[in-house]
Amino acid sequence: MSQQGVEQGGSRYLYDSFDAAAARIEANERVAQERWTGLEYRLGQIEGLLDRLERRIWFGVYGVAAFLLAQGAEALLKAAMR
């Protein structure tokens, strides 16, 4: 019986096994890391868009409130002038 990893002459590539499973796992880990990085980037963009949307909504709410207050003040002024 020959032992794997023990050189018996010739090229070491004939006796050393290539660990394909480890190479696949490393490749999958690199792919998963790149996907995670891309996901974090996209989530950051979505978060920025949501912040801007929230700001626009609040501007709209404040605009409506200001309009209603102006209408109320105008009504009070007209009632005071009569």
C-alpha atoms as a PDB file:
ATOM      1  CA  MET A   1       0.000   0.000   0.000  1.00  0.00           C
ATOM      2  CA  SER A   2       1.233   3.463  -0.788  1.00  0.00           C
ATOM      3  CA  GLN A   3       0.570   6.357   1.557  1.00  0.00           C
ATOM      4  CA  GLN A   4      -0.814   9.516   0.094  1.00  0.00           C
ATOM      5  CA  GLY A   5       1.351  12.589   0.662  1.00  0.00           C
ATOM      6  CA  VAL A   6       4.568  10.617   0.950  1.00  0.00           C
ATOM      7  CA  GLU A   7       6.871  11.217  -1.993  1.00  0.00           C
ATOM      8  CA  GLN A   8       7.970   8.049  -3.679  1.00  0.00           C
ATOM      9  CA  GLY A   9       9.735   9.687  -6.564  1.00  0.00           C
ATOM     10  CA  GLY A  10       8.415  11.706  -9.445  1.00  0.00           C
ATOM     11  CA  SER A  11       6.204  14.755  -9.265  1.00  0.00           C
ATOM     12  CA  ARG A  12       4.467  15.634  -6.052  1.00  0.00           C
ATOM     13  CA  TYR A  13       1.342  16.431  -8.053  1.00  0.00           C
ATOM     14  CA  LEU A  14       0.930  12.729  -8.696  1.00  0.00           C
ATOM     15  CA  TYR A  15       0.591  12.028  -4.982  1.00  0.00           C
ATOM     16  CA  ASP A  16      -0.835  15.149  -3.369  1.00  0.00           C
ATOM     17  CA  SER A  17      -4.577  15.259  -3.663  1.00  0.00           C
ATOM     18  CA  PHE A  18      -6.306  18.445  -4.708  1.00  0.00           C
ATOM     19  CA  ASP A  19      -8.890  19.381  -2.137  1.00  0.00           C
ATOM     20  CA  ALA A  20     -11.734  20.286  -4.471  1.00  0.00           C
ATOM     21  CA  ALA A  21     -14.276  20.489  -1.671  1.00  0.00           C
ATOM     22  CA  ALA A  22     -12.266  23.136   0.172  1.00  0.00           C
ATOM     23  CA  ALA A  23     -11.814  25.114  -3.039  1.00  0.00           C
ATOM     24  CA  ARG A  24     -15.566  24.992  -3.695  1.00  0.00           C
ATOM     25  CA  ILE A  25     -16.329  26.105  -0.157  1.00  0.00           C
ATOM     26  CA  GLU A  26     -13.890  29.019  -0.432  1.00  0.00           C
ATOM     27  CA  ALA A  27     -15.373  30.043  -3.770  1.00  0.00           C
ATOM     28  CA  ASN A  28     -18.899  29.873  -2.357  1.00  0.00           C
ATOM     29  CA  GLU A  29     -17.830  31.950   0.640  1.00  0.00           C
ATOM     30  CA  ARG A  30     -16.341  34.607  -1.643  1.00  0.00           C
ATOM     31  CA  VAL A  31     -19.520  34.669  -3.745  1.00  0.00           C
ATOM     32  CA  ALA A  32     -21.668  34.910  -0.612  1.00  0.00           C
ATOM     33  CA  GLN A  33     -19.511  37.776   0.686  1.00  0.00           C
ATOM     34  CA  GLU A  34     -19.854  39.679  -2.606  1.00  0.00           C
ATOM     35  CA  ARG A  35     -23.611  39.136  -2.604  1.00  0.00           C
ATOM     36  CA  TRP A  36     -23.811  40.369   0.993  1.00  0.00           C
ATOM     37  CA  THR A  37     -21.786  43.463   0.100  1.00  0.00           C
ATOM     38  CA  GLY A  38     -24.103  44.169  -2.848  1.00  0.00           C
ATOM     39  CA  LEU A  39     -27.155  43.656  -0.662  1.00  0.00           C
ATOM     40  CA  GLU A  40     -25.841  46.079   1.956  1.00  0.00           C
ATOM     41  CA  TYR A  41     -25.165  48.654  -0.775  1.00  0.00           C
ATOM     42  CA  ARG A  42     -28.672  48.318  -2.209  1.00  0.00           C
ATOM     43  CA  LEU A  43     -30.238  48.465   1.260  1.00  0.00           C
ATOM     44  CA  GLY A  44     -28.297  51.660   1.925  1.00  0.00           C
ATOM     45  CA  GLN A  45     -29.697  53.171  -1.258  1.00  0.00           C
ATOM     46  CA  ILE A  46     -33.240  52.122  -0.321  1.00  0.00           C
ATOM     47  CA  GLU A  47     -32.803  53.603   3.141  1.00  0.00           C
ATOM     48  CA  GLY A  48     -31.704  56.904   1.619  1.00  0.00           C
ATOM     49  CA  LEU A  49     -34.721  56.912  -0.699  1.00  0.00           C
ATOM     50  CA  LEU A  50     -37.046  56.219   2.227  1.00  0.00           C
ATOM     51  CA  ASP A  51     -35.512  59.094   4.207  1.00  0.00           C
ATOM     52  CA  ARG A  52     -36.113  61.482   1.312  1.00  0.00           C
ATOM     53  CA  LEU A  53     -39.668  60.198   0.874  1.00  0.00           C
ATOM     54  CA  GLU A  54     -40.358  60.665   4.583  1.00  0.00           C
ATOM     55  CA  ARG A  55     -39.045  64.238   4.381  1.00  0.00           C
ATOM     56  CA  ARG A  56     -41.341  64.962   1.426  1.00  0.00           C
ATOM     57  CA  ILE A  57     -44.333  63.538   3.259  1.00  0.00           C
ATOM     58  CA  TRP A  58     -43.623  65.695   6.323  1.00  0.00           C
ATOM     59  CA  PHE A  59     -43.273  68.781   4.108  1.00  0.00           C
ATOM     60  CA  GLY A  60     -46.690  67.953   2.683  1.00  0.00           C
ATOM     61  CA  VAL A  61     -48.209  67.521   6.141  1.00  0.00           C
ATOM     62  CA  TYR A  62     -46.712  70.816   7.326  1.00  0.00           C
ATOM     63  CA  GLY A  63     -47.916  72.513   4.141  1.00  0.00           C
ATOM     64  CA  VAL A  64     -51.498  71.342   4.684  1.00  0.00           C
ATOM     65  CA  ALA A  65     -51.338  72.388   8.347  1.00  0.00           C
ATOM     66  CA  ALA A  66     -50.011  75.822   7.356  1.00  0.00           C
ATOM     67  CA  PHE A  67     -52.777  76.185   4.760  1.00  0.00           C
ATOM     68  CA  LEU A  68     -55.461  75.311   7.301  1.00  0.00           C
ATOM     69  CA  LEU A  69     -54.006  77.718   9.867  1.00  0.00           C
ATOM     70  CA  ALA A  70     -53.907  80.471   7.242  1.00  0.00           C
ATOM     71  CA  GLN A  71     -57.540  79.811   6.326  1.00  0.00           C
ATOM     72  CA  GLY A  72     -58.486  79.914  10.011  1.00  0.00           C
ATOM     73  CA  ALA A  73     -56.597  83.150  10.566  1.00  0.00           C
ATOM     74  CA  GLU A  74     -58.263  84.672   7.491  1.00  0.00           C
ATOM     75  CA  ALA A  75     -61.687  83.641   8.781  1.00  0.00           C
ATOM     76  CA  LEU A  76     -60.923  85.184  12.172  1.00  0.00           C
ATOM     77  CA  LEU A  77     -59.765  88.424  10.564  1.00  0.00           C
ATOM     78  CA  LYS A  78     -62.911  88.657   8.414  1.00  0.00           C
ATOM     79  CA  ALA A  79     -65.093  87.998  11.461  1.00  0.00           C
ATOM     80  CA  ALA A  80     -63.287  90.689  13.438  1.00  0.00           C
ATOM     81  CA  MET A  81     -63.709  93.258  10.662  1.00  0.00           C
ATOM     82  CA  ARG A  82     -67.503  92.911  10.447  1.00  0.00           C
END
